[in-house]
N, C-alpha and C. Protein backbone atom coordinates (compact mmCIF):
# COMPACT_ATOMS: atom_id res chain seq x y z
N MET A 1 -17.99 -33.27 -16.67
CA MET A 1 -18.76 -32.15 -16.27
C MET A 1 -19.02 -30.55 -16.02
N PRO A 2 -20.18 -30.46 -16.72
CA PRO A 2 -19.77 -28.43 -17.16
C PRO A 2 -19.70 -28.21 -15.63
N LYS A 3 -19.29 -26.68 -15.52
CA LYS A 3 -19.06 -26.69 -13.73
C LYS A 3 -21.50 -25.63 -13.31
N PRO A 4 -21.43 -25.52 -12.39
CA PRO A 4 -22.84 -25.21 -12.86
C PRO A 4 -22.36 -23.43 -12.48
N PRO A 5 -24.12 -22.78 -13.20
CA PRO A 5 -23.72 -21.27 -13.45
C PRO A 5 -23.35 -21.01 -11.84
N GLN A 6 -22.31 -19.22 -12.54
CA GLN A 6 -22.30 -18.15 -10.27
C GLN A 6 -23.04 -17.45 -10.62
N PRO A 7 -23.56 -16.74 -9.88
CA PRO A 7 -23.75 -15.36 -9.44
C PRO A 7 -23.48 -14.59 -9.97
N ILE A 8 -23.83 -13.48 -10.97
CA ILE A 8 -23.63 -12.87 -11.39
C ILE A 8 -22.31 -11.63 -10.47
N GLY A 9 -23.38 -11.47 -9.41
CA GLY A 9 -21.82 -10.92 -7.92
C GLY A 9 -20.81 -11.26 -8.26
N GLU A 10 -20.83 -12.64 -8.86
CA GLU A 10 -19.24 -13.06 -8.50
C GLU A 10 -18.91 -12.97 -9.57
N ILE A 11 -19.21 -13.47 -10.51
CA ILE A 11 -17.93 -13.56 -11.68
C ILE A 11 -17.83 -11.36 -11.62
N LEU A 12 -18.58 -11.12 -11.60
CA LEU A 12 -18.11 -8.99 -11.65
C LEU A 12 -17.03 -8.59 -10.92
N SER A 13 -17.37 -9.46 -9.64
CA SER A 13 -15.70 -9.16 -8.89
C SER A 13 -15.37 -9.94 -8.98
N GLU A 14 -15.21 -10.72 -10.08
CA GLU A 14 -13.72 -11.21 -10.26
C GLU A 14 -13.24 -10.44 -10.82
N LEU A 15 -14.10 -10.10 -12.09
CA LEU A 15 -13.46 -9.18 -13.11
C LEU A 15 -12.81 -7.77 -13.04
N MET A 16 -13.62 -7.43 -11.44
CA MET A 16 -12.66 -6.07 -11.14
C MET A 16 -11.67 -6.52 -10.67
N ALA A 17 -11.12 -7.67 -10.08
CA ALA A 17 -9.95 -7.78 -9.52
C ALA A 17 -9.25 -7.66 -10.37
N ARG A 18 -9.66 -8.32 -12.01
CA ARG A 18 -8.57 -9.18 -12.32
C ARG A 18 -8.20 -8.03 -12.98
N ARG A 19 -8.71 -6.84 -13.53
CA ARG A 19 -8.55 -5.83 -14.56
C ARG A 19 -7.91 -4.20 -13.86
N GLY A 20 -7.94 -4.74 -11.96
CA GLY A 20 -7.47 -3.63 -11.03
C GLY A 20 -8.46 -2.73 -11.07
N PHE A 21 -9.47 -2.72 -10.99
CA PHE A 21 -10.67 -1.55 -11.39
C PHE A 21 -11.01 -1.21 -9.62
N ALA A 22 -10.53 -2.12 -9.02
CA ALA A 22 -10.71 -1.85 -7.92
C ALA A 22 -9.79 -0.78 -7.19
N ARG A 23 -8.34 -0.95 -7.60
CA ARG A 23 -7.53 0.09 -6.65
C ARG A 23 -8.34 1.22 -7.64
N GLN A 24 -8.31 1.28 -9.19
CA GLN A 24 -8.46 2.88 -9.13
C GLN A 24 -9.94 3.44 -8.51
N ARG A 25 -10.58 2.02 -8.49
CA ARG A 25 -11.75 3.43 -7.64
C ARG A 25 -11.32 3.75 -5.77
N THR A 26 -10.90 2.77 -4.69
CA THR A 26 -10.02 3.47 -4.23
C THR A 26 -8.94 3.91 -4.18
N ALA A 27 -7.82 4.26 -5.29
CA ALA A 27 -7.05 5.59 -5.19
C ALA A 27 -8.52 6.88 -5.26
N SER A 28 -9.09 6.67 -5.98
CA SER A 28 -9.62 7.83 -6.82
C SER A 28 -10.02 8.52 -5.42
N ALA A 29 -10.99 7.29 -4.74
CA ALA A 29 -12.06 7.65 -2.66
C ALA A 29 -10.32 8.13 -1.99
N LEU A 30 -8.94 7.53 -2.25
CA LEU A 30 -8.24 8.27 -1.03
C LEU A 30 -7.82 9.49 -1.15
N GLU A 31 -7.62 10.11 -3.05
CA GLU A 31 -7.35 11.77 -3.48
C GLU A 31 -8.92 12.31 -3.36
N GLU A 32 -9.74 12.00 -3.56
CA GLU A 32 -11.08 12.54 -3.19
C GLU A 32 -11.01 13.19 -1.20
N ALA A 33 -10.90 12.13 -0.62
CA ALA A 33 -11.20 12.26 1.28
C ALA A 33 -9.66 12.23 1.11
N TRP A 34 -8.50 12.40 0.74
CA TRP A 34 -7.79 13.78 0.89
C TRP A 34 -7.58 14.74 0.72
N ARG A 35 -8.86 15.31 -0.55
CA ARG A 35 -8.76 16.35 -0.78
C ARG A 35 -9.41 17.61 0.36
N GLU A 36 -10.56 16.85 0.98
CA GLU A 36 -11.84 16.85 1.60
C GLU A 36 -10.91 17.79 2.89
N ALA A 37 -9.95 16.64 3.19
CA ALA A 37 -9.34 16.44 4.81
C ALA A 37 -8.52 17.38 4.67
N ALA A 38 -7.67 17.64 3.81
CA ALA A 38 -7.14 18.84 3.66
C ALA A 38 -7.12 20.07 3.22
N GLY A 39 -8.32 20.26 2.45
CA GLY A 39 -9.16 21.94 1.90
C GLY A 39 -8.16 21.69 0.73
N GLU A 40 -9.25 22.47 -0.17
CA GLU A 40 -8.59 22.87 -1.96
C GLU A 40 -7.82 23.52 -2.72
N MET A 41 -6.73 24.19 -1.09
CA MET A 41 -5.97 25.30 -1.48
C MET A 41 -4.65 24.59 -1.20
N ALA A 42 -4.91 23.59 0.09
CA ALA A 42 -3.72 23.35 0.18
C ALA A 42 -3.42 22.03 -0.45
N ALA A 43 -4.81 20.91 -0.84
CA ALA A 43 -4.54 19.76 -1.56
C ALA A 43 -3.85 20.18 -3.21
N GLY A 44 -4.29 21.27 -3.00
CA GLY A 44 -3.98 21.22 -5.06
C GLY A 44 -1.97 21.30 -4.64
N TYR A 45 -1.61 21.52 -3.14
CA TYR A 45 0.10 21.63 -3.68
C TYR A 45 0.78 19.66 -3.21
N THR A 46 -0.50 19.03 -3.66
CA THR A 46 0.21 17.86 -3.07
C THR A 46 -0.38 16.10 -3.96
N ARG A 47 0.10 15.19 -3.60
CA ARG A 47 -0.32 14.90 -4.66
C ARG A 47 0.01 12.99 -3.53
N VAL A 48 -1.79 12.38 -3.45
CA VAL A 48 -1.82 11.07 -3.21
C VAL A 48 -0.74 10.49 -3.30
N GLY A 49 -0.18 9.71 -2.58
CA GLY A 49 0.58 8.28 -3.74
C GLY A 49 -0.23 7.01 -3.07
N ASN A 50 0.65 5.21 -2.46
CA ASN A 50 -0.05 4.52 -2.59
C ASN A 50 -0.05 4.64 -0.53
N LEU A 51 -1.39 3.50 -0.99
CA LEU A 51 -1.19 3.11 0.48
C LEU A 51 -0.91 1.82 1.16
N ARG A 52 -0.18 1.41 2.04
CA ARG A 52 0.88 0.50 2.34
C ARG A 52 1.40 0.45 3.16
N ARG A 53 0.67 -1.25 4.19
CA ARG A 53 0.00 -1.38 5.26
C ARG A 53 -0.27 -0.09 6.65
N GLY A 54 -1.52 0.19 5.63
CA GLY A 54 -1.95 1.71 6.83
C GLY A 54 -0.91 2.70 6.71
N LYS A 55 -0.38 2.84 5.75
CA LYS A 55 0.53 4.09 6.19
C LYS A 55 0.56 4.83 4.41
N LEU A 56 -0.38 5.82 4.68
CA LEU A 56 -0.73 6.78 3.12
C LEU A 56 0.07 7.14 2.92
N GLU A 57 0.88 7.12 2.38
CA GLU A 57 2.17 8.46 1.33
C GLU A 57 1.39 9.68 0.67
N VAL A 58 1.73 10.89 0.84
CA VAL A 58 1.32 12.29 0.20
C VAL A 58 2.50 12.67 0.23
N THR A 59 3.21 13.14 -1.22
CA THR A 59 4.35 13.77 -2.29
C THR A 59 3.51 15.31 -1.84
N VAL A 60 4.53 15.77 -1.04
CA VAL A 60 3.75 17.55 -1.46
C VAL A 60 5.14 18.47 -1.89
N ALA A 61 4.44 19.64 -2.29
CA ALA A 61 5.48 20.28 -2.51
C ALA A 61 7.01 20.88 -2.37
N ASN A 62 6.22 21.78 -0.71
CA ASN A 62 8.06 21.67 -0.33
C ASN A 62 7.72 21.41 1.40
N SER A 63 9.32 22.07 1.80
CA SER A 63 9.06 21.29 2.76
C SER A 63 9.09 22.11 3.74
N ALA A 64 8.34 22.99 3.70
CA ALA A 64 7.80 24.19 4.65
C ALA A 64 6.30 23.86 4.52
N LEU A 65 5.17 23.51 3.45
CA LEU A 65 3.83 22.68 3.31
C LEU A 65 4.46 21.30 4.34
N VAL A 66 5.53 19.86 4.13
CA VAL A 66 5.64 19.01 4.92
C VAL A 66 5.70 19.72 6.44
N GLN A 67 6.54 20.48 6.81
CA GLN A 67 6.45 21.10 8.27
C GLN A 67 4.53 21.04 8.68
N GLU A 68 3.93 21.94 8.13
CA GLU A 68 2.69 22.12 8.53
C GLU A 68 1.54 20.92 8.49
N PHE A 69 1.93 20.59 6.80
CA PHE A 69 0.62 19.31 7.09
C PHE A 69 1.49 17.71 8.49
N SER A 70 3.20 18.22 8.93
CA SER A 70 3.28 16.97 9.92
C SER A 70 2.70 17.80 11.64
N PHE A 71 2.49 18.91 11.38
CA PHE A 71 1.92 19.61 13.30
C PHE A 71 -0.13 19.60 12.65
N GLN A 72 -0.44 18.87 11.70
CA GLN A 72 -2.30 18.55 11.34
C GLN A 72 -2.31 17.05 11.28
N LYS A 73 -0.82 16.03 11.78
CA LYS A 73 -1.15 14.93 11.30
C LYS A 73 -2.69 14.55 11.64
N LYS A 74 -2.54 13.77 13.20
CA LYS A 74 -3.75 14.12 13.42
C LYS A 74 -5.02 14.33 13.57
N ALA A 75 -5.45 15.98 13.17
CA ALA A 75 -7.35 16.46 12.50
C ALA A 75 -6.87 15.65 11.04
N LEU A 76 -6.29 15.16 10.45
CA LEU A 76 -5.59 15.09 9.08
C LEU A 76 -6.74 13.32 9.59
N LEU A 77 -5.71 12.24 9.74
CA LEU A 77 -5.88 11.35 10.04
C LEU A 77 -6.99 10.58 10.58
N GLU A 78 -8.01 11.68 11.54
CA GLU A 78 -8.88 11.59 11.99
C GLU A 78 -10.16 12.28 10.94
N SER A 79 -9.60 12.93 9.97
CA SER A 79 -10.95 13.53 8.73
C SER A 79 -10.63 12.15 7.74
N LEU A 80 -10.05 11.63 8.23
CA LEU A 80 -9.63 11.04 6.90
C LEU A 80 -10.29 8.96 7.31
N LYS A 81 -10.47 8.92 7.87
CA LYS A 81 -11.06 8.25 9.41
C LYS A 81 -11.85 7.95 8.63
N SER A 82 -12.88 8.97 9.28
CA SER A 82 -13.93 9.06 9.02
C SER A 82 -14.73 9.16 7.77
N LEU A 83 -13.79 9.66 6.95
CA LEU A 83 -14.76 9.69 5.32
C LEU A 83 -14.27 8.20 5.23
N ILE A 84 -12.78 7.59 4.90
CA ILE A 84 -12.82 6.63 4.21
C ILE A 84 -13.14 5.48 5.43
N PRO A 85 -13.82 5.13 6.56
CA PRO A 85 -13.64 4.02 7.46
C PRO A 85 -12.55 2.95 6.82
N GLU A 86 -13.29 2.72 5.64
CA GLU A 86 -12.92 0.89 4.78
C GLU A 86 -11.05 0.99 4.46
N ALA A 87 -11.02 2.10 4.73
CA ALA A 87 -9.27 1.72 3.81
C ALA A 87 -8.90 1.59 5.09
N THR A 88 -8.72 1.89 6.25
CA THR A 88 -7.37 1.44 7.51
C THR A 88 -6.56 2.36 7.40
N ILE A 89 -6.35 3.55 6.91
CA ILE A 89 -5.92 4.45 7.52
C ILE A 89 -5.16 4.82 8.68
N GLN A 90 -3.92 3.51 8.76
CA GLN A 90 -3.02 5.39 10.19
C GLN A 90 -2.98 5.70 10.05
N ASP A 91 -1.61 5.71 9.55
CA ASP A 91 -0.15 6.41 9.44
C ASP A 91 -0.06 7.24 8.57
N LEU A 92 -0.12 9.09 8.09
CA LEU A 92 0.26 9.86 7.32
C LEU A 92 2.04 9.55 7.32
N ARG A 93 1.57 9.60 5.84
CA ARG A 93 3.90 9.87 5.74
C ARG A 93 3.84 10.94 4.52
N PHE A 94 4.53 12.40 5.38
CA PHE A 94 4.82 12.80 3.99
C PHE A 94 6.57 13.46 3.35
N ARG A 95 6.04 13.25 2.55
CA ARG A 95 7.03 13.40 1.48
C ARG A 95 7.58 15.13 0.44
N VAL A 96 8.81 15.45 0.05
CA VAL A 96 8.68 16.27 -1.08
C VAL A 96 9.30 15.83 -2.24
N GLY A 97 8.71 16.17 -3.05
CA GLY A 97 8.54 15.98 -4.37
C GLY A 97 7.12 16.31 -5.80
N PRO A 98 7.84 15.67 -6.78
CA PRO A 98 7.42 16.52 -8.06
C PRO A 98 5.40 16.09 -7.82
N ILE A 99 4.93 17.36 -8.38
CA ILE A 99 2.99 17.24 -8.05
C ILE A 99 2.93 17.43 -9.63
N ASP A 100 2.50 16.77 -9.73
CA ASP A 100 2.00 16.86 -11.27
C ASP A 100 0.54 16.16 -11.75
């Protein structure tokens, strides 16, 4: 017995999940929100990483900037939460590393 027709919305959401389009869209939304929250100049020295268990990883060019971002962590978190509330960011983790 053939399956009944599925709504196009269900088919598209399954396709997006299978192909990883949702992750790509979320990653670009995180990068855009980080650039706005941190400011263009500061964002130029950082790279947004993964969001795991509510913690957003941000790679920073040097330790002085890691310290500066740590001082501003609360304000950055509030800004990110207001820019993309669906991401459920609860914490930020800064680490020194290469910026591509």
